[in-house]
Amino acid sequence: MKEMWDERYSTEEYVYGEVPNEYFYSRFTQFDPGEILFAAEGEGRNAVFAAKCDWKVTAFDQSEAGKRKALKLAEKHKVALDYRVGDLPSLGFEKGDFDAIALVYAHFPVEVRKKYHELLISYLRRDGLIFFEGFSKKHKKYQEKNPKVGGPKEEALLFSIEEIKEDFGSLNFLELYETEVDLKEGTGHDGLGAVIRFVAQKK
């Protein structure tokens, strides 16, 4: 997986664009700044946006190429990111480190996904928030019609509402829904797709 993402991010262009995810933008801007962690952040578009909104931003990914592009984007916008590369359990985060966590197309391998979600929840402070958008199981049909929409090709990596409720059931869902969305995020997400979105708060 690491090699795949390094190769994907090796281009000059930003594969998923330089502007934040639309859903994340619409919900995130309703809250006061604090400390936020971006999971599987890739080229940094969402993290840089949060830093521009005066949040203290930490991000992680498996890709060194993604980190380089994220830091380049941060420099362009004159903001700072604490960007770490590696597997989540080894990155030095502690319980209660963050006021918010963003999971924007963070499709972790199935064998570690539940563990990673549990870890991320533990890193939240009380009343902390999770902002989530990820491709749903229904997305496979959209991929078959238009491969340019992107997303994991393995159905096991896609989400169902039931899986979300199971992994994040300890949180209070402020909203949770599945919907069709017309994505215009660089060349990586281009066209109609099916996603699950939620904002949830730690009790």
N, C-alpha and C. Protein backbone atom coordinates (compact mmCIF):
# COMPACT_ATOMS: atom_id res chain seq x y z
N MET A 1 0.83 -1.21 0.00
CA MET A 1 0.00 0.00 0.00
C MET A 1 0.86 1.26 0.00
N LYS A 2 1.92 1.25 0.81
CA LYS A 2 2.80 2.42 0.88
C LYS A 2 3.38 2.75 -0.49
N GLU A 3 3.85 1.73 -1.19
CA GLU A 3 4.46 1.94 -2.51
C GLU A 3 3.42 2.48 -3.49
N MET A 4 2.20 1.99 -3.40
CA MET A 4 1.14 2.45 -4.30
C MET A 4 0.87 3.94 -4.11
N TRP A 5 0.77 4.36 -2.84
CA TRP A 5 0.49 5.76 -2.57
C TRP A 5 1.67 6.66 -2.91
N ASP A 6 2.88 6.19 -2.65
CA ASP A 6 4.06 6.98 -3.04
C ASP A 6 4.07 7.22 -4.55
N GLU A 7 3.73 6.17 -5.30
CA GLU A 7 3.68 6.32 -6.76
C GLU A 7 2.57 7.27 -7.17
N ARG A 8 1.41 7.14 -6.56
CA ARG A 8 0.28 8.00 -6.92
C ARG A 8 0.57 9.46 -6.64
N TYR A 9 1.27 9.72 -5.55
CA TYR A 9 1.55 11.10 -5.16
C TYR A 9 2.85 11.65 -5.77
N SER A 10 3.46 10.91 -6.68
CA SER A 10 4.75 11.33 -7.25
C SER A 10 4.62 12.40 -8.32
N THR A 11 3.38 12.73 -8.73
CA THR A 11 3.18 13.73 -9.76
C THR A 11 3.27 15.15 -9.20
N GLU A 12 3.47 16.13 -10.07
CA GLU A 12 3.49 17.53 -9.65
C GLU A 12 2.09 17.99 -9.23
N GLU A 13 1.09 17.54 -9.99
CA GLU A 13 -0.28 17.94 -9.67
C GLU A 13 -0.75 17.26 -8.38
N TYR A 14 -1.72 17.89 -7.74
CA TYR A 14 -2.33 17.31 -6.54
C TYR A 14 -3.47 16.42 -6.99
N VAL A 15 -3.31 15.11 -6.76
CA VAL A 15 -4.22 14.10 -7.31
C VAL A 15 -5.67 14.38 -6.92
N TYR A 16 -5.88 14.82 -5.67
CA TYR A 16 -7.24 15.09 -5.18
C TYR A 16 -7.49 16.59 -5.04
N GLY A 17 -6.69 17.38 -5.71
CA GLY A 17 -6.87 18.82 -5.68
C GLY A 17 -6.26 19.47 -4.45
N GLU A 18 -6.39 20.78 -4.38
CA GLU A 18 -5.80 21.56 -3.29
C GLU A 18 -6.84 22.17 -2.36
N VAL A 19 -8.12 21.98 -2.66
CA VAL A 19 -9.17 22.55 -1.82
C VAL A 19 -9.76 21.46 -0.93
N PRO A 20 -10.30 21.83 0.22
CA PRO A 20 -10.80 20.81 1.16
C PRO A 20 -12.03 20.08 0.64
N ASN A 21 -12.25 18.89 1.16
CA ASN A 21 -13.45 18.13 0.90
C ASN A 21 -14.68 18.95 1.26
N GLU A 22 -15.68 18.93 0.40
CA GLU A 22 -16.86 19.79 0.56
C GLU A 22 -17.61 19.52 1.87
N TYR A 23 -17.82 18.25 2.20
CA TYR A 23 -18.55 17.92 3.43
C TYR A 23 -17.75 18.34 4.66
N PHE A 24 -16.47 18.02 4.66
CA PHE A 24 -15.63 18.44 5.78
C PHE A 24 -15.69 19.95 5.95
N TYR A 25 -15.55 20.68 4.87
CA TYR A 25 -15.59 22.14 4.92
C TYR A 25 -16.90 22.62 5.52
N SER A 26 -18.01 22.05 5.09
CA SER A 26 -19.32 22.54 5.51
C SER A 26 -19.58 22.31 7.00
N ARG A 27 -19.03 21.25 7.56
CA ARG A 27 -19.27 20.95 8.97
C ARG A 27 -18.18 21.53 9.89
N PHE A 28 -16.96 21.41 9.47
CA PHE A 28 -15.81 21.81 10.27
C PHE A 28 -15.85 23.29 10.64
N THR A 29 -16.28 24.12 9.71
CA THR A 29 -16.27 25.57 9.92
C THR A 29 -17.30 26.03 10.94
N GLN A 30 -18.14 25.12 11.43
CA GLN A 30 -19.14 25.48 12.44
C GLN A 30 -18.56 25.47 13.85
N PHE A 31 -17.31 25.02 14.01
CA PHE A 31 -16.74 24.83 15.35
C PHE A 31 -15.52 25.72 15.59
N ASP A 32 -15.31 26.05 16.85
CA ASP A 32 -14.17 26.89 17.22
C ASP A 32 -12.86 26.11 17.10
N PRO A 33 -11.76 26.79 16.81
CA PRO A 33 -10.46 26.12 16.63
C PRO A 33 -9.98 25.40 17.89
N GLY A 34 -9.23 24.34 17.66
CA GLY A 34 -8.59 23.57 18.72
C GLY A 34 -7.46 22.78 18.10
N GLU A 35 -7.29 21.55 18.59
CA GLU A 35 -6.24 20.67 18.05
C GLU A 35 -6.91 19.52 17.30
N ILE A 36 -6.46 19.29 16.07
CA ILE A 36 -7.10 18.30 15.21
C ILE A 36 -6.08 17.37 14.59
N LEU A 37 -6.48 16.11 14.42
CA LEU A 37 -5.65 15.09 13.78
C LEU A 37 -6.32 14.65 12.47
N PHE A 38 -5.55 14.65 11.39
CA PHE A 38 -6.03 14.17 10.09
C PHE A 38 -5.42 12.81 9.80
N ALA A 39 -6.28 11.83 9.61
CA ALA A 39 -5.83 10.45 9.35
C ALA A 39 -5.74 10.19 7.85
N ALA A 40 -4.69 9.46 7.44
CA ALA A 40 -4.51 9.12 6.02
C ALA A 40 -4.65 10.37 5.17
N GLU A 41 -3.90 11.41 5.51
CA GLU A 41 -4.13 12.75 4.96
C GLU A 41 -3.52 12.98 3.59
N GLY A 42 -2.66 12.09 3.12
CA GLY A 42 -2.16 12.23 1.76
C GLY A 42 -1.48 13.56 1.49
N GLU A 43 -1.98 14.28 0.48
CA GLU A 43 -1.32 15.49 0.00
C GLU A 43 -1.67 16.75 0.79
N GLY A 44 -2.53 16.64 1.81
CA GLY A 44 -2.67 17.71 2.77
C GLY A 44 -3.74 18.75 2.55
N ARG A 45 -4.62 18.56 1.60
CA ARG A 45 -5.58 19.63 1.28
C ARG A 45 -6.48 20.00 2.46
N ASN A 46 -6.95 19.00 3.20
CA ASN A 46 -7.83 19.28 4.34
C ASN A 46 -7.06 19.83 5.53
N ALA A 47 -5.88 19.28 5.77
CA ALA A 47 -5.06 19.72 6.89
C ALA A 47 -4.63 21.18 6.73
N VAL A 48 -4.23 21.55 5.52
CA VAL A 48 -3.81 22.93 5.26
C VAL A 48 -4.98 23.89 5.45
N PHE A 49 -6.15 23.48 4.99
CA PHE A 49 -7.33 24.32 5.19
C PHE A 49 -7.60 24.54 6.67
N ALA A 50 -7.51 23.48 7.47
CA ALA A 50 -7.75 23.61 8.91
C ALA A 50 -6.72 24.55 9.55
N ALA A 51 -5.47 24.43 9.13
CA ALA A 51 -4.43 25.31 9.68
C ALA A 51 -4.72 26.77 9.32
N LYS A 52 -5.25 27.01 8.13
CA LYS A 52 -5.62 28.37 7.74
C LYS A 52 -6.76 28.91 8.59
N CYS A 53 -7.54 27.99 9.19
CA CYS A 53 -8.64 28.38 10.08
C CYS A 53 -8.21 28.47 11.53
N ASP A 54 -6.88 28.49 11.75
CA ASP A 54 -6.29 28.69 13.09
C ASP A 54 -6.35 27.47 14.00
N TRP A 55 -6.57 26.29 13.43
CA TRP A 55 -6.46 25.07 14.21
C TRP A 55 -4.99 24.66 14.30
N LYS A 56 -4.64 23.99 15.40
CA LYS A 56 -3.33 23.35 15.52
C LYS A 56 -3.45 21.97 14.88
N VAL A 57 -2.69 21.73 13.81
CA VAL A 57 -2.95 20.58 12.94
C VAL A 57 -1.84 19.55 13.00
N THR A 58 -2.25 18.31 13.23
CA THR A 58 -1.37 17.15 13.12
C THR A 58 -1.98 16.22 12.06
N ALA A 59 -1.12 15.56 11.28
CA ALA A 59 -1.60 14.66 10.24
C ALA A 59 -0.68 13.45 10.16
N PHE A 60 -1.22 12.35 9.61
CA PHE A 60 -0.35 11.20 9.36
C PHE A 60 -0.79 10.47 8.10
N ASP A 61 0.14 9.73 7.54
CA ASP A 61 -0.09 8.92 6.35
C ASP A 61 1.04 7.91 6.26
N GLN A 62 0.91 6.95 5.36
CA GLN A 62 1.99 6.00 5.11
C GLN A 62 2.97 6.52 4.06
N SER A 63 2.61 7.56 3.36
CA SER A 63 3.36 7.99 2.18
C SER A 63 4.28 9.18 2.44
N GLU A 64 5.56 8.98 2.23
CA GLU A 64 6.52 10.08 2.30
C GLU A 64 6.26 11.09 1.18
N ALA A 65 5.86 10.60 0.01
CA ALA A 65 5.56 11.49 -1.11
C ALA A 65 4.37 12.38 -0.78
N GLY A 66 3.37 11.81 -0.11
CA GLY A 66 2.23 12.60 0.33
C GLY A 66 2.64 13.68 1.31
N LYS A 67 3.51 13.33 2.25
CA LYS A 67 3.99 14.30 3.23
C LYS A 67 4.71 15.45 2.55
N ARG A 68 5.57 15.13 1.59
CA ARG A 68 6.32 16.20 0.90
C ARG A 68 5.37 17.19 0.23
N LYS A 69 4.35 16.66 -0.42
CA LYS A 69 3.41 17.54 -1.10
C LYS A 69 2.55 18.33 -0.10
N ALA A 70 2.20 17.71 1.01
CA ALA A 70 1.43 18.41 2.04
C ALA A 70 2.23 19.57 2.62
N LEU A 71 3.50 19.33 2.90
CA LEU A 71 4.33 20.40 3.47
C LEU A 71 4.57 21.51 2.44
N LYS A 72 4.66 21.13 1.18
CA LYS A 72 4.80 22.13 0.11
C LYS A 72 3.54 22.99 0.02
N LEU A 73 2.37 22.36 0.15
CA LEU A 73 1.11 23.10 0.13
C LEU A 73 0.99 24.00 1.36
N ALA A 74 1.44 23.49 2.51
CA ALA A 74 1.42 24.30 3.73
C ALA A 74 2.32 25.52 3.59
N GLU A 75 3.48 25.33 2.99
CA GLU A 75 4.39 26.46 2.78
C GLU A 75 3.77 27.49 1.85
N LYS A 76 3.10 27.02 0.83
CA LYS A 76 2.42 27.91 -0.11
C LYS A 76 1.41 28.80 0.61
N HIS A 77 0.72 28.22 1.60
CA HIS A 77 -0.32 28.97 2.32
C HIS A 77 0.19 29.54 3.64
N LYS A 78 1.49 29.40 3.89
CA LYS A 78 2.13 30.00 5.07
C LYS A 78 1.51 29.51 6.39
N VAL A 79 1.32 28.19 6.46
CA VAL A 79 0.84 27.57 7.70
C VAL A 79 1.74 26.41 8.06
N ALA A 80 1.59 25.90 9.29
CA ALA A 80 2.45 24.81 9.78
C ALA A 80 1.63 23.55 10.02
N LEU A 81 2.23 22.40 9.69
CA LEU A 81 1.63 21.10 9.97
C LEU A 81 2.64 20.23 10.71
N ASP A 82 2.17 19.47 11.68
CA ASP A 82 2.96 18.38 12.26
C ASP A 82 2.52 17.12 11.53
N TYR A 83 3.32 16.69 10.55
CA TYR A 83 2.94 15.59 9.66
C TYR A 83 3.86 14.40 9.91
N ARG A 84 3.28 13.27 10.29
CA ARG A 84 4.04 12.07 10.63
C ARG A 84 3.75 10.95 9.63
N VAL A 85 4.76 10.15 9.36
CA VAL A 85 4.63 9.05 8.41
C VAL A 85 4.87 7.73 9.12
N GLY A 86 3.95 6.78 8.93
CA GLY A 86 4.10 5.47 9.55
C GLY A 86 2.75 4.87 9.88
N ASP A 87 2.77 3.75 10.59
CA ASP A 87 1.55 3.09 11.03
C ASP A 87 1.04 3.74 12.31
N LEU A 88 -0.23 3.91 12.43
CA LEU A 88 -0.83 4.68 13.51
C LEU A 88 -0.33 4.33 14.91
N PRO A 89 -0.25 3.05 15.30
CA PRO A 89 0.15 2.75 16.67
C PRO A 89 1.56 3.20 17.02
N SER A 90 2.40 3.44 16.02
CA SER A 90 3.81 3.78 16.27
C SER A 90 4.10 5.27 16.20
N LEU A 91 3.06 6.11 16.09
CA LEU A 91 3.31 7.53 15.81
C LEU A 91 3.36 8.42 17.05
N GLY A 92 3.16 7.84 18.22
CA GLY A 92 3.38 8.59 19.45
C GLY A 92 2.20 9.41 19.95
N PHE A 93 1.01 9.18 19.44
CA PHE A 93 -0.16 9.89 19.92
C PHE A 93 -0.63 9.28 21.25
N GLU A 94 -1.22 10.12 22.09
CA GLU A 94 -1.66 9.68 23.41
C GLU A 94 -3.16 9.91 23.58
N LYS A 95 -3.73 9.24 24.58
CA LYS A 95 -5.14 9.43 24.89
C LYS A 95 -5.43 10.90 25.20
N GLY A 96 -6.51 11.41 24.63
CA GLY A 96 -6.93 12.77 24.91
C GLY A 96 -6.09 13.86 24.30
N ASP A 97 -5.37 13.56 23.23
CA ASP A 97 -4.49 14.56 22.60
C ASP A 97 -5.25 15.60 21.77
N PHE A 98 -6.46 15.25 21.28
CA PHE A 98 -7.08 16.08 20.24
C PHE A 98 -8.53 16.45 20.56
N ASP A 99 -8.90 17.63 20.04
CA ASP A 99 -10.28 18.09 20.13
C ASP A 99 -11.12 17.57 18.97
N ALA A 100 -10.46 17.17 17.89
CA ALA A 100 -11.19 16.69 16.71
C ALA A 100 -10.29 15.77 15.89
N ILE A 101 -10.93 14.90 15.13
CA ILE A 101 -10.23 14.00 14.20
C ILE A 101 -10.99 14.01 12.88
N ALA A 102 -10.26 14.10 11.79
CA ALA A 102 -10.87 14.07 10.46
C ALA A 102 -10.52 12.77 9.76
N LEU A 103 -11.54 12.08 9.30
CA LEU A 103 -11.39 10.84 8.53
C LEU A 103 -12.05 11.07 7.18
N VAL A 104 -11.29 11.60 6.25
CA VAL A 104 -11.79 11.91 4.92
C VAL A 104 -11.17 10.92 3.93
N TYR A 105 -11.96 9.95 3.52
CA TYR A 105 -11.48 8.86 2.66
C TYR A 105 -10.29 8.13 3.28
N ALA A 106 -10.41 7.87 4.56
CA ALA A 106 -9.39 7.11 5.30
C ALA A 106 -9.84 5.65 5.34
N HIS A 107 -9.57 4.93 4.27
CA HIS A 107 -9.98 3.53 4.14
C HIS A 107 -8.82 2.63 4.56
N PHE A 108 -8.77 2.32 5.85
CA PHE A 108 -7.68 1.50 6.37
C PHE A 108 -7.86 0.04 5.96
N PRO A 109 -6.75 -0.72 5.89
CA PRO A 109 -6.86 -2.16 5.61
C PRO A 109 -7.81 -2.84 6.60
N VAL A 110 -8.58 -3.78 6.12
CA VAL A 110 -9.62 -4.42 6.94
C VAL A 110 -9.04 -5.02 8.22
N GLU A 111 -7.84 -5.59 8.14
CA GLU A 111 -7.27 -6.29 9.30
C GLU A 111 -6.91 -5.35 10.45
N VAL A 112 -6.77 -4.05 10.17
CA VAL A 112 -6.42 -3.10 11.25
C VAL A 112 -7.50 -2.04 11.46
N ARG A 113 -8.51 -2.03 10.63
CA ARG A 113 -9.46 -0.90 10.64
C ARG A 113 -10.12 -0.70 11.99
N LYS A 114 -10.69 -1.76 12.56
CA LYS A 114 -11.39 -1.62 13.83
C LYS A 114 -10.43 -1.15 14.93
N LYS A 115 -9.22 -1.72 14.97
CA LYS A 115 -8.22 -1.31 15.96
C LYS A 115 -7.86 0.16 15.78
N TYR A 116 -7.67 0.59 14.54
CA TYR A 116 -7.32 1.99 14.28
C TYR A 116 -8.45 2.92 14.70
N HIS A 117 -9.67 2.54 14.41
CA HIS A 117 -10.80 3.38 14.82
C HIS A 117 -10.87 3.49 16.34
N GLU A 118 -10.63 2.40 17.04
CA GLU A 118 -10.62 2.43 18.51
C GLU A 118 -9.52 3.35 19.03
N LEU A 119 -8.33 3.25 18.43
CA LEU A 119 -7.23 4.12 18.83
C LEU A 119 -7.58 5.58 18.61
N LEU A 120 -8.14 5.88 17.44
CA LEU A 120 -8.47 7.27 17.13
C LEU A 120 -9.49 7.82 18.11
N ILE A 121 -10.48 7.04 18.46
CA ILE A 121 -11.47 7.48 19.45
C ILE A 121 -10.78 7.77 20.79
N SER A 122 -9.81 6.94 21.16
CA SER A 122 -9.11 7.14 22.44
C SER A 122 -8.29 8.43 22.43
N TYR A 123 -7.87 8.88 21.26
CA TYR A 123 -7.08 10.11 21.16
C TYR A 123 -7.93 11.38 21.31
N LEU A 124 -9.24 11.21 21.27
CA LEU A 124 -10.14 12.36 21.41
C LEU A 124 -10.33 12.74 22.87
N ARG A 125 -10.42 14.02 23.13
CA ARG A 125 -10.82 14.51 24.44
C ARG A 125 -12.34 14.37 24.60
N ARG A 126 -12.81 14.48 25.81
CA ARG A 126 -14.26 14.45 26.05
C ARG A 126 -14.91 15.58 25.25
N ASP A 127 -16.03 15.28 24.62
CA ASP A 127 -16.76 16.18 23.74
C ASP A 127 -16.04 16.42 22.41
N GLY A 128 -14.94 15.70 22.18
CA GLY A 128 -14.22 15.83 20.91
C GLY A 128 -15.05 15.30 19.75
N LEU A 129 -14.71 15.75 18.55
CA LEU A 129 -15.51 15.49 17.36
C LEU A 129 -14.76 14.63 16.34
N ILE A 130 -15.50 13.81 15.62
CA ILE A 130 -14.97 13.13 14.43
C ILE A 130 -15.78 13.59 13.23
N PHE A 131 -15.06 14.03 12.19
CA PHE A 131 -15.66 14.37 10.90
C PHE A 131 -15.30 13.26 9.92
N PHE A 132 -16.30 12.67 9.29
CA PHE A 132 -16.07 11.47 8.48
C PHE A 132 -16.76 11.56 7.13
N GLU A 133 -16.01 11.24 6.07
CA GLU A 133 -16.61 10.92 4.78
C GLU A 133 -15.81 9.79 4.15
N GLY A 134 -16.50 8.73 3.73
CA GLY A 134 -15.84 7.60 3.10
C GLY A 134 -16.78 6.93 2.12
N PHE A 135 -16.23 6.19 1.19
CA PHE A 135 -17.04 5.52 0.18
C PHE A 135 -17.83 4.36 0.79
N SER A 136 -19.09 4.24 0.39
CA SER A 136 -19.96 3.18 0.91
C SER A 136 -19.90 1.94 0.02
N LYS A 137 -20.48 0.87 0.51
CA LYS A 137 -20.53 -0.38 -0.26
C LYS A 137 -21.21 -0.18 -1.62
N LYS A 138 -22.16 0.75 -1.70
CA LYS A 138 -22.88 1.02 -2.94
C LYS A 138 -21.99 1.65 -4.01
N HIS A 139 -20.82 2.10 -3.60
CA HIS A 139 -19.93 2.82 -4.52
C HIS A 139 -19.42 1.93 -5.67
N LYS A 140 -19.41 0.63 -5.45
CA LYS A 140 -18.92 -0.29 -6.49
C LYS A 140 -19.67 -0.09 -7.81
N LYS A 141 -20.97 0.11 -7.75
CA LYS A 141 -21.78 0.30 -8.95
C LYS A 141 -21.36 1.57 -9.69
N TYR A 142 -21.00 2.60 -8.94
CA TYR A 142 -20.57 3.86 -9.56
C TYR A 142 -19.20 3.69 -10.22
N GLN A 143 -18.32 2.94 -9.57
CA GLN A 143 -17.00 2.68 -10.13
C GLN A 143 -17.09 1.92 -11.46
N GLU A 144 -18.02 0.98 -11.52
CA GLU A 144 -18.19 0.19 -12.74
C GLU A 144 -18.60 1.08 -13.92
N LYS A 145 -19.41 2.09 -13.64
CA LYS A 145 -19.86 3.01 -14.69
C LYS A 145 -18.77 4.04 -15.02
N ASN A 146 -18.00 4.45 -14.01
CA ASN A 146 -17.02 5.52 -14.20
C ASN A 146 -15.82 5.31 -13.28
N PRO A 147 -14.78 4.65 -13.77
CA PRO A 147 -13.59 4.40 -12.94
C PRO A 147 -12.92 5.69 -12.44
N LYS A 148 -13.17 6.81 -13.11
CA LYS A 148 -12.51 8.07 -12.71
C LYS A 148 -13.00 8.59 -11.36
N VAL A 149 -14.11 8.04 -10.86
CA VAL A 149 -14.61 8.50 -9.56
C VAL A 149 -13.69 8.05 -8.43
N GLY A 150 -12.86 7.03 -8.70
CA GLY A 150 -11.88 6.60 -7.69
C GLY A 150 -12.47 5.79 -6.57
N GLY A 151 -11.69 5.66 -5.51
CA GLY A 151 -12.11 4.86 -4.36
C GLY A 151 -11.52 3.46 -4.40
N PRO A 152 -11.49 2.78 -3.25
CA PRO A 152 -10.94 1.42 -3.18
C PRO A 152 -11.66 0.46 -4.12
N LYS A 153 -10.90 -0.40 -4.75
CA LYS A 153 -11.50 -1.38 -5.67
C LYS A 153 -12.02 -2.61 -4.93
N GLU A 154 -11.49 -2.86 -3.73
CA GLU A 154 -11.94 -4.01 -2.94
C GLU A 154 -13.18 -3.62 -2.13
N GLU A 155 -14.24 -4.37 -2.29
CA GLU A 155 -15.48 -4.05 -1.58
C GLU A 155 -15.30 -4.09 -0.07
N ALA A 156 -14.41 -4.94 0.41
CA ALA A 156 -14.18 -5.04 1.86
C ALA A 156 -13.66 -3.74 2.46
N LEU A 157 -13.03 -2.90 1.64
CA LEU A 157 -12.49 -1.63 2.13
C LEU A 157 -13.55 -0.53 2.17
N LEU A 158 -14.70 -0.77 1.57
CA LEU A 158 -15.79 0.20 1.57
C LEU A 158 -16.61 0.04 2.85
N PHE A 159 -17.38 1.08 3.19
CA PHE A 159 -18.10 1.11 4.46
C PHE A 159 -19.60 0.85 4.29
N SER A 160 -20.18 0.28 5.32
CA SER A 160 -21.64 0.21 5.45
C SER A 160 -22.03 1.00 6.70
N ILE A 161 -23.28 1.43 6.74
CA ILE A 161 -23.79 2.12 7.93
C ILE A 161 -23.64 1.24 9.16
N GLU A 162 -23.89 -0.06 9.00
CA GLU A 162 -23.80 -1.00 10.13
C GLU A 162 -22.37 -1.06 10.68
N GLU A 163 -21.38 -1.09 9.78
CA GLU A 163 -19.98 -1.11 10.21
C GLU A 163 -19.60 0.17 10.93
N ILE A 164 -20.09 1.28 10.43
CA ILE A 164 -19.82 2.57 11.07
C ILE A 164 -20.41 2.59 12.48
N LYS A 165 -21.64 2.14 12.62
CA LYS A 165 -22.27 2.12 13.94
C LYS A 165 -21.54 1.18 14.89
N GLU A 166 -21.03 0.08 14.36
CA GLU A 166 -20.29 -0.87 15.19
C GLU A 166 -18.97 -0.27 15.67
N ASP A 167 -18.22 0.36 14.76
CA ASP A 167 -16.90 0.88 15.11
C ASP A 167 -16.97 2.16 15.94
N PHE A 168 -17.98 2.99 15.70
CA PHE A 168 -18.06 4.30 16.35
C PHE A 168 -19.27 4.41 17.28
N GLY A 169 -19.81 3.28 17.68
CA GLY A 169 -21.02 3.27 18.48
C GLY A 169 -20.90 3.90 19.86
N SER A 170 -19.67 4.06 20.35
CA SER A 170 -19.48 4.69 21.66
C SER A 170 -19.65 6.21 21.60
N LEU A 171 -19.74 6.75 20.37
CA LEU A 171 -19.88 8.19 20.19
C LEU A 171 -21.34 8.58 20.03
N ASN A 172 -21.61 9.85 20.18
CA ASN A 172 -22.94 10.40 19.94
C ASN A 172 -22.96 10.96 18.51
N PHE A 173 -23.73 10.33 17.62
CA PHE A 173 -23.81 10.80 16.24
C PHE A 173 -24.66 12.07 16.16
N LEU A 174 -24.06 13.17 15.73
CA LEU A 174 -24.82 14.39 15.50
C LEU A 174 -25.55 14.29 14.17
N GLU A 175 -24.94 13.58 13.23
CA GLU A 175 -25.61 13.18 11.99
C GLU A 175 -24.87 11.99 11.40
N LEU A 176 -25.61 11.15 10.69
CA LEU A 176 -25.04 9.97 10.03
C LEU A 176 -25.95 9.61 8.88
N TYR A 177 -25.39 9.61 7.66
CA TYR A 177 -26.23 9.27 6.51
C TYR A 177 -25.39 8.81 5.33
N GLU A 178 -26.07 8.12 4.41
CA GLU A 178 -25.46 7.65 3.18
C GLU A 178 -26.10 8.42 2.03
N THR A 179 -25.29 8.82 1.04
CA THR A 179 -25.83 9.66 -0.02
C THR A 179 -25.02 9.52 -1.30
N GLU A 180 -25.61 9.95 -2.40
CA GLU A 180 -24.89 10.09 -3.67
C GLU A 180 -24.25 11.47 -3.70
N VAL A 181 -23.05 11.55 -4.23
CA VAL A 181 -22.35 12.84 -4.28
C VAL A 181 -21.64 12.96 -5.62
N ASP A 182 -21.61 14.17 -6.16
CA ASP A 182 -20.89 14.46 -7.40
C ASP A 182 -19.53 15.04 -7.02
N LEU A 183 -18.50 14.22 -7.09
CA LEU A 183 -17.17 14.61 -6.63
C LEU A 183 -16.39 15.31 -7.74
N LYS A 184 -15.77 16.42 -7.37
CA LYS A 184 -14.86 17.14 -8.25
C LYS A 184 -13.60 17.45 -7.44
N GLU A 185 -12.84 16.40 -7.16
CA GLU A 185 -11.64 16.52 -6.32
C GLU A 185 -10.44 16.07 -7.14
N GLY A 186 -9.88 17.01 -7.93
CA GLY A 186 -8.75 16.69 -8.78
C GLY A 186 -9.10 15.61 -9.79
N THR A 187 -8.07 14.86 -10.21
CA THR A 187 -8.30 13.76 -11.14
C THR A 187 -8.62 12.45 -10.40
N GLY A 188 -8.41 12.45 -9.08
CA GLY A 188 -8.58 11.22 -8.29
C GLY A 188 -10.01 10.88 -7.98
N HIS A 189 -10.86 11.90 -7.78
CA HIS A 189 -12.29 11.70 -7.50
C HIS A 189 -13.07 12.59 -8.46
N ASP A 190 -13.55 12.01 -9.55
CA ASP A 190 -14.22 12.82 -10.57
C ASP A 190 -15.47 12.11 -11.06
N GLY A 191 -16.62 12.53 -10.53
CA GLY A 191 -17.88 11.94 -10.97
C GLY A 191 -18.78 11.54 -9.81
N LEU A 192 -19.89 10.91 -10.14
CA LEU A 192 -20.85 10.48 -9.13
C LEU A 192 -20.34 9.29 -8.34
N GLY A 193 -20.57 9.32 -7.03
CA GLY A 193 -20.18 8.22 -6.17
C GLY A 193 -21.15 8.09 -5.01
N ALA A 194 -20.94 7.07 -4.19
CA ALA A 194 -21.78 6.83 -3.02
C ALA A 194 -20.92 6.91 -1.77
N VAL A 195 -21.32 7.74 -0.81
CA VAL A 195 -20.51 7.95 0.39
C VAL A 195 -21.37 7.83 1.65
N ILE A 196 -20.68 7.61 2.75
CA ILE A 196 -21.26 7.73 4.08
C ILE A 196 -20.60 8.91 4.76
N ARG A 197 -21.41 9.71 5.43
CA ARG A 197 -20.92 10.90 6.12
C ARG A 197 -21.42 10.90 7.55
N PHE A 198 -20.58 11.37 8.45
CA PHE A 198 -21.07 11.60 9.80
C PHE A 198 -20.21 12.62 10.55
N VAL A 199 -20.86 13.24 11.52
CA VAL A 199 -20.18 14.00 12.55
C VAL A 199 -20.60 13.38 13.87
N ALA A 200 -19.65 13.04 14.72
CA ALA A 200 -19.96 12.39 16.00
C ALA A 200 -19.13 13.00 17.10
N GLN A 201 -19.66 12.94 18.31
CA GLN A 201 -19.01 13.57 19.47
C GLN A 201 -18.76 12.54 20.56
N LYS A 202 -17.60 12.64 21.17
CA LYS A 202 -17.26 11.71 22.25
C LYS A 202 -18.01 12.09 23.51
N LYS A 203 -18.58 11.08 24.15
CA LYS A 203 -19.38 11.32 25.35
C LYS A 203 -18.50 11.52 26.56
